Amino acid sequence: MTLREKIFAGTASTAVLVGVMAIAAPRFFSGQPSLDELERTAINSSAPAQRHAAAAKLSFQGRKAIPHLQRVLAQSNDPEMNAVCIDSLGELYDYTSMEKFLDFLEDPNPSVRNRAAAAVARMTGLYTDFESAEPEKRAKIIAIYRAQWNSLKDTKKLEEFKQHINANLNSIGAKP
């Protein structure tokens, strides 16, 4: 009996269940890798494509992935991997990673440097022409970012700023 015949024969619920299982079973039984598995793959895989794919998957897991992204960033020497982790942590407004972002402002890789600058700017509200700046000007911008961060970290001002950012994001239905 075909699906259509089952529906018309009054066993629609069985047919629908069979259809749903046919669609969902591969995903259900293959399982999704855990955050720990993604982290291990991002750090340990010998294949760059697998490492990058695992980091990209971590980046879509929201705030629960922050510690995993931080560990991948801390252990990676791969500029592409670092750029993905920095971008993800910055999008998540992970202020615990700010010191690391500030260090990456001096990375020799322009992609890593620019992602770090974007994360710092997003999280401090200090937007500059960092990407197009010459090295001497970048050094001055970095000094300003560091001074601003040092004046903000562990203060009530930073907490107020975070609340302001969260309120603005929530007002448009976005999540930090």
N, C-alpha and C. Protein backbone atom coordinates (compact mmCIF):
# COMPACT_ATOMS: atom_id res chain seq x y z
N MET A 1 0.85 -1.16 0.00
CA MET A 1 0.00 0.00 0.00
C MET A 1 0.90 1.24 0.00
N THR A 2 0.64 2.19 -0.86
CA THR A 2 1.44 3.40 -0.94
C THR A 2 1.07 4.35 0.19
N LEU A 3 1.89 5.39 0.40
CA LEU A 3 1.61 6.39 1.41
C LEU A 3 0.26 7.04 1.16
N ARG A 4 -0.01 7.35 -0.08
CA ARG A 4 -1.30 7.97 -0.44
C ARG A 4 -2.46 7.05 -0.08
N GLU A 5 -2.29 5.77 -0.37
CA GLU A 5 -3.35 4.82 -0.05
C GLU A 5 -3.55 4.70 1.47
N LYS A 6 -2.44 4.72 2.21
CA LYS A 6 -2.56 4.65 3.66
C LYS A 6 -3.28 5.87 4.22
N ILE A 7 -2.97 7.02 3.68
CA ILE A 7 -3.64 8.24 4.14
C ILE A 7 -5.13 8.15 3.89
N PHE A 8 -5.48 7.69 2.69
CA PHE A 8 -6.90 7.61 2.36
C PHE A 8 -7.58 6.42 3.05
N ALA A 9 -6.80 5.44 3.49
CA ALA A 9 -7.38 4.27 4.15
C ALA A 9 -7.58 4.51 5.64
N GLY A 10 -7.22 5.71 6.12
CA GLY A 10 -7.46 6.03 7.52
C GLY A 10 -6.28 5.76 8.43
N THR A 11 -5.15 5.40 7.87
CA THR A 11 -3.98 5.16 8.71
C THR A 11 -2.96 6.28 8.47
N ALA A 12 -3.49 7.45 8.40
CA ALA A 12 -2.64 8.62 8.13
C ALA A 12 -1.56 8.79 9.18
N SER A 13 -1.90 8.55 10.44
CA SER A 13 -0.90 8.78 11.49
C SER A 13 0.29 7.84 11.31
N THR A 14 0.04 6.60 10.92
CA THR A 14 1.13 5.67 10.67
C THR A 14 1.97 6.14 9.49
N ALA A 15 1.30 6.60 8.45
CA ALA A 15 2.01 7.06 7.26
C ALA A 15 2.84 8.30 7.57
N VAL A 16 2.27 9.20 8.34
CA VAL A 16 3.01 10.41 8.71
C VAL A 16 4.21 10.05 9.57
N LEU A 17 4.02 9.14 10.52
CA LEU A 17 5.11 8.69 11.37
C LEU A 17 6.23 8.06 10.54
N VAL A 18 5.86 7.24 9.59
CA VAL A 18 6.85 6.62 8.70
C VAL A 18 7.60 7.69 7.91
N GLY A 19 6.87 8.68 7.41
CA GLY A 19 7.49 9.77 6.66
C GLY A 19 8.45 10.59 7.50
N VAL A 20 8.02 10.93 8.70
CA VAL A 20 8.88 11.70 9.61
C VAL A 20 10.13 10.91 9.96
N MET A 21 9.97 9.63 10.25
CA MET A 21 11.12 8.79 10.58
C MET A 21 12.09 8.69 9.40
N ALA A 22 11.56 8.61 8.21
CA ALA A 22 12.42 8.52 7.02
C ALA A 22 13.26 9.78 6.87
N ILE A 23 12.66 10.91 7.22
CA ILE A 23 13.39 12.18 7.11
C ILE A 23 14.34 12.36 8.29
N ALA A 24 13.88 12.08 9.49
CA ALA A 24 14.64 12.38 10.70
C ALA A 24 15.64 11.30 11.08
N ALA A 25 15.41 10.07 10.70
CA ALA A 25 16.25 8.97 11.16
C ALA A 25 17.74 9.15 10.87
N PRO A 26 18.11 9.55 9.66
CA PRO A 26 19.56 9.67 9.43
C PRO A 26 20.23 10.63 10.40
N ARG A 27 19.60 11.76 10.68
CA ARG A 27 20.18 12.72 11.61
C ARG A 27 20.15 12.17 13.04
N PHE A 28 19.03 11.56 13.40
CA PHE A 28 18.87 11.04 14.76
C PHE A 28 19.89 9.94 15.05
N PHE A 29 20.03 9.01 14.14
CA PHE A 29 20.91 7.88 14.39
C PHE A 29 22.37 8.19 14.13
N SER A 30 22.66 9.15 13.27
CA SER A 30 24.07 9.48 13.03
C SER A 30 24.60 10.32 14.17
N GLY A 31 23.72 11.03 14.87
CA GLY A 31 24.12 11.84 16.01
C GLY A 31 24.88 13.08 15.58
N GLN A 32 24.76 14.09 16.38
CA GLN A 32 25.52 15.31 16.15
C GLN A 32 26.71 15.28 17.09
N PRO A 33 27.86 15.73 16.63
CA PRO A 33 29.01 15.72 17.53
C PRO A 33 28.78 16.66 18.71
N SER A 34 29.27 16.27 19.86
CA SER A 34 29.16 17.12 21.04
C SER A 34 30.12 18.29 20.91
N LEU A 35 29.95 19.27 21.78
CA LEU A 35 30.87 20.41 21.78
C LEU A 35 32.30 19.95 22.08
N ASP A 36 32.43 18.98 22.97
CA ASP A 36 33.77 18.44 23.28
C ASP A 36 34.39 17.77 22.06
N GLU A 37 33.56 17.02 21.31
CA GLU A 37 34.07 16.35 20.10
C GLU A 37 34.48 17.38 19.04
N LEU A 38 33.67 18.42 18.89
CA LEU A 38 34.03 19.47 17.93
C LEU A 38 35.33 20.15 18.33
N GLU A 39 35.46 20.42 19.62
CA GLU A 39 36.70 21.05 20.12
C GLU A 39 37.91 20.16 19.84
N ARG A 40 37.78 18.86 20.16
CA ARG A 40 38.90 17.93 19.92
C ARG A 40 39.26 17.88 18.44
N THR A 41 38.26 17.84 17.58
CA THR A 41 38.52 17.80 16.14
C THR A 41 39.20 19.09 15.69
N ALA A 42 38.71 20.23 16.18
CA ALA A 42 39.28 21.52 15.80
C ALA A 42 40.74 21.63 16.23
N ILE A 43 41.08 21.00 17.32
CA ILE A 43 42.45 21.09 17.84
C ILE A 43 43.35 19.99 17.27
N ASN A 44 42.82 18.78 17.16
CA ASN A 44 43.69 17.62 16.89
C ASN A 44 43.66 17.05 15.49
N SER A 45 42.68 17.37 14.70
CA SER A 45 42.60 16.74 13.38
C SER A 45 43.81 17.11 12.54
N SER A 46 44.32 16.12 11.81
CA SER A 46 45.46 16.39 10.93
C SER A 46 45.01 17.04 9.62
N ALA A 47 43.72 17.01 9.36
CA ALA A 47 43.19 17.59 8.11
C ALA A 47 42.69 19.01 8.38
N PRO A 48 43.31 20.01 7.77
CA PRO A 48 42.88 21.39 7.98
C PRO A 48 41.39 21.61 7.71
N ALA A 49 40.86 20.98 6.68
CA ALA A 49 39.44 21.17 6.36
C ALA A 49 38.55 20.68 7.49
N GLN A 50 38.93 19.57 8.13
CA GLN A 50 38.14 19.05 9.26
C GLN A 50 38.26 19.98 10.47
N ARG A 51 39.47 20.49 10.72
CA ARG A 51 39.65 21.43 11.83
C ARG A 51 38.79 22.67 11.63
N HIS A 52 38.83 23.22 10.43
CA HIS A 52 38.07 24.44 10.13
C HIS A 52 36.57 24.19 10.20
N ALA A 53 36.13 23.05 9.70
CA ALA A 53 34.70 22.71 9.76
C ALA A 53 34.24 22.57 11.20
N ALA A 54 35.06 21.95 12.04
CA ALA A 54 34.69 21.78 13.45
C ALA A 54 34.61 23.14 14.14
N ALA A 55 35.56 24.02 13.85
CA ALA A 55 35.53 25.36 14.46
C ALA A 55 34.30 26.13 13.98
N ALA A 56 33.97 25.99 12.70
CA ALA A 56 32.79 26.67 12.17
C ALA A 56 31.52 26.15 12.85
N LYS A 57 31.44 24.83 13.06
CA LYS A 57 30.27 24.27 13.75
C LYS A 57 30.19 24.77 15.18
N LEU A 58 31.33 24.86 15.84
CA LEU A 58 31.34 25.42 17.20
C LEU A 58 30.81 26.84 17.20
N SER A 59 31.17 27.59 16.18
CA SER A 59 30.80 29.01 16.15
C SER A 59 29.29 29.22 16.06
N PHE A 60 28.56 28.19 15.65
CA PHE A 60 27.10 28.31 15.53
C PHE A 60 26.37 27.76 16.76
N GLN A 61 27.10 27.43 17.81
CA GLN A 61 26.48 26.80 18.98
C GLN A 61 26.12 27.80 20.08
N GLY A 62 26.35 29.07 19.88
CA GLY A 62 25.96 30.07 20.86
C GLY A 62 26.89 30.12 22.06
N ARG A 63 26.40 30.74 23.11
CA ARG A 63 27.22 31.01 24.30
C ARG A 63 27.77 29.75 24.96
N LYS A 64 27.07 28.64 24.81
CA LYS A 64 27.56 27.40 25.44
C LYS A 64 28.89 26.94 24.82
N ALA A 65 29.22 27.46 23.65
CA ALA A 65 30.47 27.07 22.98
C ALA A 65 31.65 27.95 23.38
N ILE A 66 31.42 29.00 24.16
CA ILE A 66 32.50 29.94 24.48
C ILE A 66 33.74 29.25 25.06
N PRO A 67 33.61 28.42 26.10
CA PRO A 67 34.85 27.82 26.62
C PRO A 67 35.57 26.94 25.60
N HIS A 68 34.81 26.30 24.73
CA HIS A 68 35.41 25.44 23.70
C HIS A 68 36.15 26.30 22.67
N LEU A 69 35.52 27.39 22.24
CA LEU A 69 36.17 28.30 21.29
C LEU A 69 37.42 28.92 21.91
N GLN A 70 37.36 29.26 23.19
CA GLN A 70 38.54 29.82 23.87
C GLN A 70 39.69 28.83 23.88
N ARG A 71 39.40 27.57 24.16
CA ARG A 71 40.46 26.55 24.20
C ARG A 71 41.04 26.30 22.80
N VAL A 72 40.17 26.29 21.79
CA VAL A 72 40.67 26.12 20.42
C VAL A 72 41.58 27.29 20.07
N LEU A 73 41.15 28.49 20.38
CA LEU A 73 41.95 29.68 20.09
C LEU A 73 43.30 29.63 20.82
N ALA A 74 43.28 29.21 22.06
CA ALA A 74 44.51 29.15 22.86
C ALA A 74 45.50 28.12 22.32
N GLN A 75 45.00 27.07 21.67
CA GLN A 75 45.89 25.99 21.23
C GLN A 75 46.19 26.00 19.74
N SER A 76 45.59 26.91 19.01
CA SER A 76 45.75 26.90 17.56
C SER A 76 46.86 27.83 17.09
N ASN A 77 47.59 27.37 16.09
CA ASN A 77 48.57 28.21 15.40
C ASN A 77 48.11 28.48 13.97
N ASP A 78 46.89 28.12 13.67
CA ASP A 78 46.32 28.23 12.32
C ASP A 78 45.59 29.58 12.20
N PRO A 79 46.07 30.47 11.35
CA PRO A 79 45.45 31.79 11.24
C PRO A 79 43.96 31.74 10.88
N GLU A 80 43.58 30.84 10.00
CA GLU A 80 42.16 30.74 9.63
C GLU A 80 41.31 30.31 10.82
N MET A 81 41.82 29.36 11.58
CA MET A 81 41.12 28.88 12.78
C MET A 81 41.02 30.02 13.80
N ASN A 82 42.12 30.73 14.00
CA ASN A 82 42.12 31.84 14.95
C ASN A 82 41.11 32.90 14.54
N ALA A 83 41.05 33.21 13.25
CA ALA A 83 40.12 34.23 12.76
C ALA A 83 38.67 33.81 13.03
N VAL A 84 38.35 32.55 12.80
CA VAL A 84 36.99 32.05 13.05
C VAL A 84 36.65 32.15 14.54
N CYS A 85 37.58 31.72 15.39
CA CYS A 85 37.32 31.75 16.84
C CYS A 85 37.19 33.18 17.35
N ILE A 86 38.05 34.07 16.90
CA ILE A 86 37.98 35.48 17.31
C ILE A 86 36.66 36.08 16.88
N ASP A 87 36.29 35.84 15.65
CA ASP A 87 35.04 36.38 15.13
C ASP A 87 33.85 35.87 15.95
N SER A 88 33.84 34.58 16.23
CA SER A 88 32.74 33.97 16.98
C SER A 88 32.67 34.52 18.40
N LEU A 89 33.80 34.57 19.07
CA LEU A 89 33.82 35.07 20.45
C LEU A 89 33.44 36.55 20.51
N GLY A 90 33.85 37.30 19.49
CA GLY A 90 33.46 38.71 19.43
C GLY A 90 31.97 38.88 19.19
N GLU A 91 31.41 38.06 18.32
CA GLU A 91 29.96 38.10 18.06
C GLU A 91 29.17 37.75 19.31
N LEU A 92 29.76 36.92 20.16
CA LEU A 92 29.10 36.51 21.40
C LEU A 92 29.38 37.49 22.55
N TYR A 93 30.09 38.58 22.26
CA TYR A 93 30.43 39.57 23.27
C TYR A 93 31.10 38.92 24.48
N ASP A 94 32.09 38.07 24.20
CA ASP A 94 32.79 37.39 25.28
C ASP A 94 33.90 38.29 25.81
N TYR A 95 33.58 39.07 26.82
CA TYR A 95 34.55 40.00 27.40
C TYR A 95 35.70 39.29 28.08
N THR A 96 35.53 38.03 28.46
CA THR A 96 36.64 37.31 29.08
C THR A 96 37.75 37.03 28.06
N SER A 97 37.47 37.20 26.78
CA SER A 97 38.48 36.99 25.74
C SER A 97 39.13 38.30 25.28
N MET A 98 38.76 39.41 25.87
CA MET A 98 39.25 40.71 25.40
C MET A 98 40.77 40.81 25.42
N GLU A 99 41.42 40.34 26.47
CA GLU A 99 42.89 40.41 26.53
C GLU A 99 43.51 39.67 25.34
N LYS A 100 42.93 38.53 25.03
CA LYS A 100 43.43 37.74 23.89
C LYS A 100 43.21 38.50 22.58
N PHE A 101 42.03 39.14 22.44
CA PHE A 101 41.77 39.94 21.23
C PHE A 101 42.80 41.05 21.10
N LEU A 102 43.09 41.71 22.21
CA LEU A 102 44.08 42.80 22.18
C LEU A 102 45.45 42.28 21.75
N ASP A 103 45.82 41.09 22.21
CA ASP A 103 47.09 40.50 21.78
C ASP A 103 47.08 40.20 20.28
N PHE A 104 45.94 39.72 19.78
CA PHE A 104 45.85 39.37 18.36
C PHE A 104 45.83 40.61 17.45
N LEU A 105 45.68 41.80 18.01
CA LEU A 105 45.77 43.02 17.20
C LEU A 105 47.16 43.17 16.59
N GLU A 106 48.13 42.48 17.16
CA GLU A 106 49.51 42.56 16.69
C GLU A 106 49.93 41.30 15.92
N ASP A 107 48.97 40.47 15.56
CA ASP A 107 49.27 39.24 14.83
C ASP A 107 49.83 39.58 13.44
N PRO A 108 50.78 38.81 12.96
CA PRO A 108 51.33 39.08 11.62
C PRO A 108 50.33 38.83 10.49
N ASN A 109 49.31 38.00 10.74
CA ASN A 109 48.32 37.70 9.71
C ASN A 109 47.25 38.79 9.68
N PRO A 110 47.06 39.46 8.54
CA PRO A 110 46.09 40.56 8.47
C PRO A 110 44.65 40.13 8.77
N SER A 111 44.28 38.92 8.38
CA SER A 111 42.92 38.45 8.63
C SER A 111 42.67 38.31 10.13
N VAL A 112 43.62 37.74 10.83
CA VAL A 112 43.51 37.57 12.28
C VAL A 112 43.49 38.94 12.95
N ARG A 113 44.41 39.79 12.56
CA ARG A 113 44.50 41.15 13.12
C ARG A 113 43.20 41.91 12.94
N ASN A 114 42.65 41.85 11.74
CA ASN A 114 41.44 42.61 11.43
C ASN A 114 40.21 42.03 12.13
N ARG A 115 40.15 40.71 12.28
CA ARG A 115 39.03 40.11 13.03
C ARG A 115 39.11 40.53 14.50
N ALA A 116 40.33 40.56 15.03
CA ALA A 116 40.50 41.01 16.42
C ALA A 116 40.09 42.47 16.57
N ALA A 117 40.46 43.30 15.61
CA ALA A 117 40.08 44.72 15.66
C ALA A 117 38.57 44.88 15.59
N ALA A 118 37.93 44.09 14.75
CA ALA A 118 36.46 44.15 14.65
C ALA A 118 35.80 43.73 15.96
N ALA A 119 36.34 42.69 16.60
CA ALA A 119 35.78 42.22 17.87
C ALA A 119 35.96 43.28 18.95
N VAL A 120 37.14 43.86 19.02
CA VAL A 120 37.41 44.89 20.04
C VAL A 120 36.52 46.10 19.80
N ALA A 121 36.41 46.53 18.56
CA ALA A 121 35.56 47.69 18.25
C ALA A 121 34.10 47.42 18.62
N ARG A 122 33.61 46.25 18.26
CA ARG A 122 32.22 45.88 18.55
C ARG A 122 31.97 45.91 20.06
N MET A 123 32.94 45.41 20.80
CA MET A 123 32.74 45.22 22.23
C MET A 123 33.04 46.47 23.05
N THR A 124 33.78 47.42 22.50
CA THR A 124 34.09 48.65 23.24
C THR A 124 33.36 49.86 22.69
N GLY A 125 32.87 49.73 21.46
CA GLY A 125 32.23 50.88 20.83
C GLY A 125 33.23 51.86 20.22
N LEU A 126 34.50 51.48 20.18
CA LEU A 126 35.54 52.34 19.61
C LEU A 126 35.89 51.85 18.20
N TYR A 127 35.29 52.44 17.21
CA TYR A 127 35.53 52.05 15.82
C TYR A 127 36.61 52.95 15.23
N THR A 128 37.55 52.33 14.52
CA THR A 128 38.67 53.08 13.92
C THR A 128 38.90 52.58 12.50
N ASP A 129 39.92 53.15 11.88
CA ASP A 129 40.34 52.70 10.54
C ASP A 129 41.50 51.72 10.65
N PHE A 130 41.45 50.86 11.66
CA PHE A 130 42.52 49.92 11.96
C PHE A 130 42.95 49.11 10.74
N GLU A 131 41.98 48.59 10.00
CA GLU A 131 42.30 47.70 8.88
C GLU A 131 43.18 48.37 7.84
N SER A 132 42.92 49.64 7.57
CA SER A 132 43.66 50.32 6.50
C SER A 132 44.84 51.13 7.04
N ALA A 133 45.03 51.14 8.34
CA ALA A 133 46.09 51.96 8.94
C ALA A 133 47.47 51.36 8.71
N GLU A 134 48.44 52.24 8.59
CA GLU A 134 49.84 51.83 8.50
C GLU A 134 50.27 51.30 9.88
N PRO A 135 51.35 50.50 9.91
CA PRO A 135 51.78 49.90 11.18
C PRO A 135 51.96 50.89 12.34
N GLU A 136 52.53 52.05 12.07
CA GLU A 136 52.74 53.03 13.15
C GLU A 136 51.41 53.51 13.72
N LYS A 137 50.45 53.76 12.85
CA LYS A 137 49.13 54.21 13.32
C LYS A 137 48.40 53.06 14.02
N ARG A 138 48.53 51.82 13.50
CA ARG A 138 47.92 50.66 14.16
C ARG A 138 48.44 50.54 15.59
N ALA A 139 49.73 50.76 15.78
CA ALA A 139 50.32 50.67 17.12
C ALA A 139 49.67 51.70 18.06
N LYS A 140 49.41 52.88 17.56
CA LYS A 140 48.76 53.91 18.37
C LYS A 140 47.31 53.52 18.68
N ILE A 141 46.64 52.95 17.69
CA ILE A 141 45.25 52.50 17.91
C ILE A 141 45.22 51.40 18.97
N ILE A 142 46.17 50.46 18.87
CA ILE A 142 46.26 49.38 19.85
C ILE A 142 46.47 49.95 21.25
N ALA A 143 47.33 50.93 21.36
CA ALA A 143 47.57 51.56 22.67
C ALA A 143 46.29 52.19 23.21
N ILE A 144 45.51 52.81 22.34
CA ILE A 144 44.24 53.41 22.78
C ILE A 144 43.27 52.32 23.21
N TYR A 145 43.16 51.25 22.41
CA TYR A 145 42.28 50.14 22.78
C TYR A 145 42.68 49.56 24.13
N ARG A 146 43.98 49.34 24.33
CA ARG A 146 44.45 48.76 25.60
C ARG A 146 44.14 49.70 26.77
N ALA A 147 44.39 50.99 26.58
CA ALA A 147 44.11 51.96 27.64
C ALA A 147 42.62 51.99 27.96
N GLN A 148 41.79 51.97 26.91
CA GLN A 148 40.35 51.98 27.12
C GLN A 148 39.91 50.73 27.87
N TRP A 149 40.43 49.58 27.46
CA TRP A 149 40.07 48.33 28.11
C TRP A 149 40.52 48.34 29.57
N ASN A 150 41.75 48.79 29.81
CA ASN A 150 42.26 48.83 31.19
C ASN A 150 41.43 49.76 32.07
N SER A 151 40.87 50.80 31.48
CA SER A 151 40.04 51.71 32.28
C SER A 151 38.63 51.15 32.48
N LEU A 152 38.22 50.20 31.64
CA LEU A 152 36.87 49.64 31.72
C LEU A 152 36.78 48.32 32.48
N LYS A 153 37.77 47.46 32.28
CA LYS A 153 37.65 46.10 32.84
C LYS A 153 37.47 46.15 34.35
N ASP A 154 36.66 45.26 34.82
CA ASP A 154 36.38 45.12 36.26
C ASP A 154 35.79 46.38 36.89
N THR A 155 35.07 47.16 36.09
CA THR A 155 34.43 48.37 36.64
C THR A 155 32.93 48.31 36.45
N LYS A 156 32.26 49.18 37.15
CA LYS A 156 30.82 49.31 37.00
C LYS A 156 30.49 49.85 35.60
N LYS A 157 31.37 50.67 35.05
CA LYS A 157 31.15 51.22 33.71
C LYS A 157 31.02 50.10 32.67
N LEU A 158 31.87 49.09 32.79
CA LEU A 158 31.80 47.98 31.85
C LEU A 158 30.49 47.23 32.01
N GLU A 159 30.09 47.00 33.23
CA GLU A 159 28.80 46.31 33.46
C GLU A 159 27.65 47.12 32.89
N GLU A 160 27.68 48.43 33.05
CA GLU A 160 26.63 49.29 32.49
C GLU A 160 26.66 49.23 30.96
N PHE A 161 27.87 49.22 30.40
CA PHE A 161 28.01 49.13 28.95
C PHE A 161 27.45 47.81 28.43
N LYS A 162 27.76 46.70 29.11
CA LYS A 162 27.23 45.39 28.72
C LYS A 162 25.71 45.39 28.77
N GLN A 163 25.15 45.97 29.84
CA GLN A 163 23.69 46.04 29.96
C GLN A 163 23.10 46.86 28.83
N HIS A 164 23.76 47.96 28.48
CA HIS A 164 23.29 48.81 27.39
C HIS A 164 23.31 48.03 26.05
N ILE A 165 24.40 47.34 25.81
CA ILE A 165 24.51 46.52 24.58
C ILE A 165 23.41 45.47 24.56
N ASN A 166 23.24 44.74 25.67
CA ASN A 166 22.21 43.70 25.73
C ASN A 166 20.82 44.27 25.52
N ALA A 167 20.53 45.41 26.12
CA ALA A 167 19.21 46.04 25.95
C ALA A 167 18.98 46.41 24.49
N ASN A 168 19.99 46.97 23.85
CA ASN A 168 19.85 47.33 22.43
C ASN A 168 19.65 46.10 21.56
N LEU A 169 20.41 45.06 21.82
CA LEU A 169 20.26 43.83 21.03
C LEU A 169 18.90 43.19 21.28
N ASN A 170 18.49 43.15 22.53
CA ASN A 170 17.18 42.57 22.84
C ASN A 170 16.04 43.36 22.22
N SER A 171 16.20 44.67 22.12
CA SER A 171 15.13 45.51 21.56
C SER A 171 14.86 45.20 20.08
N ILE A 172 15.85 44.64 19.42
CA ILE A 172 15.64 44.27 18.01
C ILE A 172 15.51 42.77 17.82
N GLY A 173 15.42 42.05 18.94
CA GLY A 173 15.24 40.60 18.86
C GLY A 173 16.51 39.83 18.60
N ALA A 174 17.65 40.47 18.78
CA ALA A 174 18.94 39.80 18.58
C ALA A 174 19.49 39.36 19.93
N LYS A 175 20.32 38.34 19.91
CA LYS A 175 20.93 37.85 21.14
C LYS A 175 22.42 38.12 21.10
N PRO A 176 22.98 38.57 22.23
CA PRO A 176 24.43 38.76 22.24
C PRO A 176 25.16 37.43 22.23
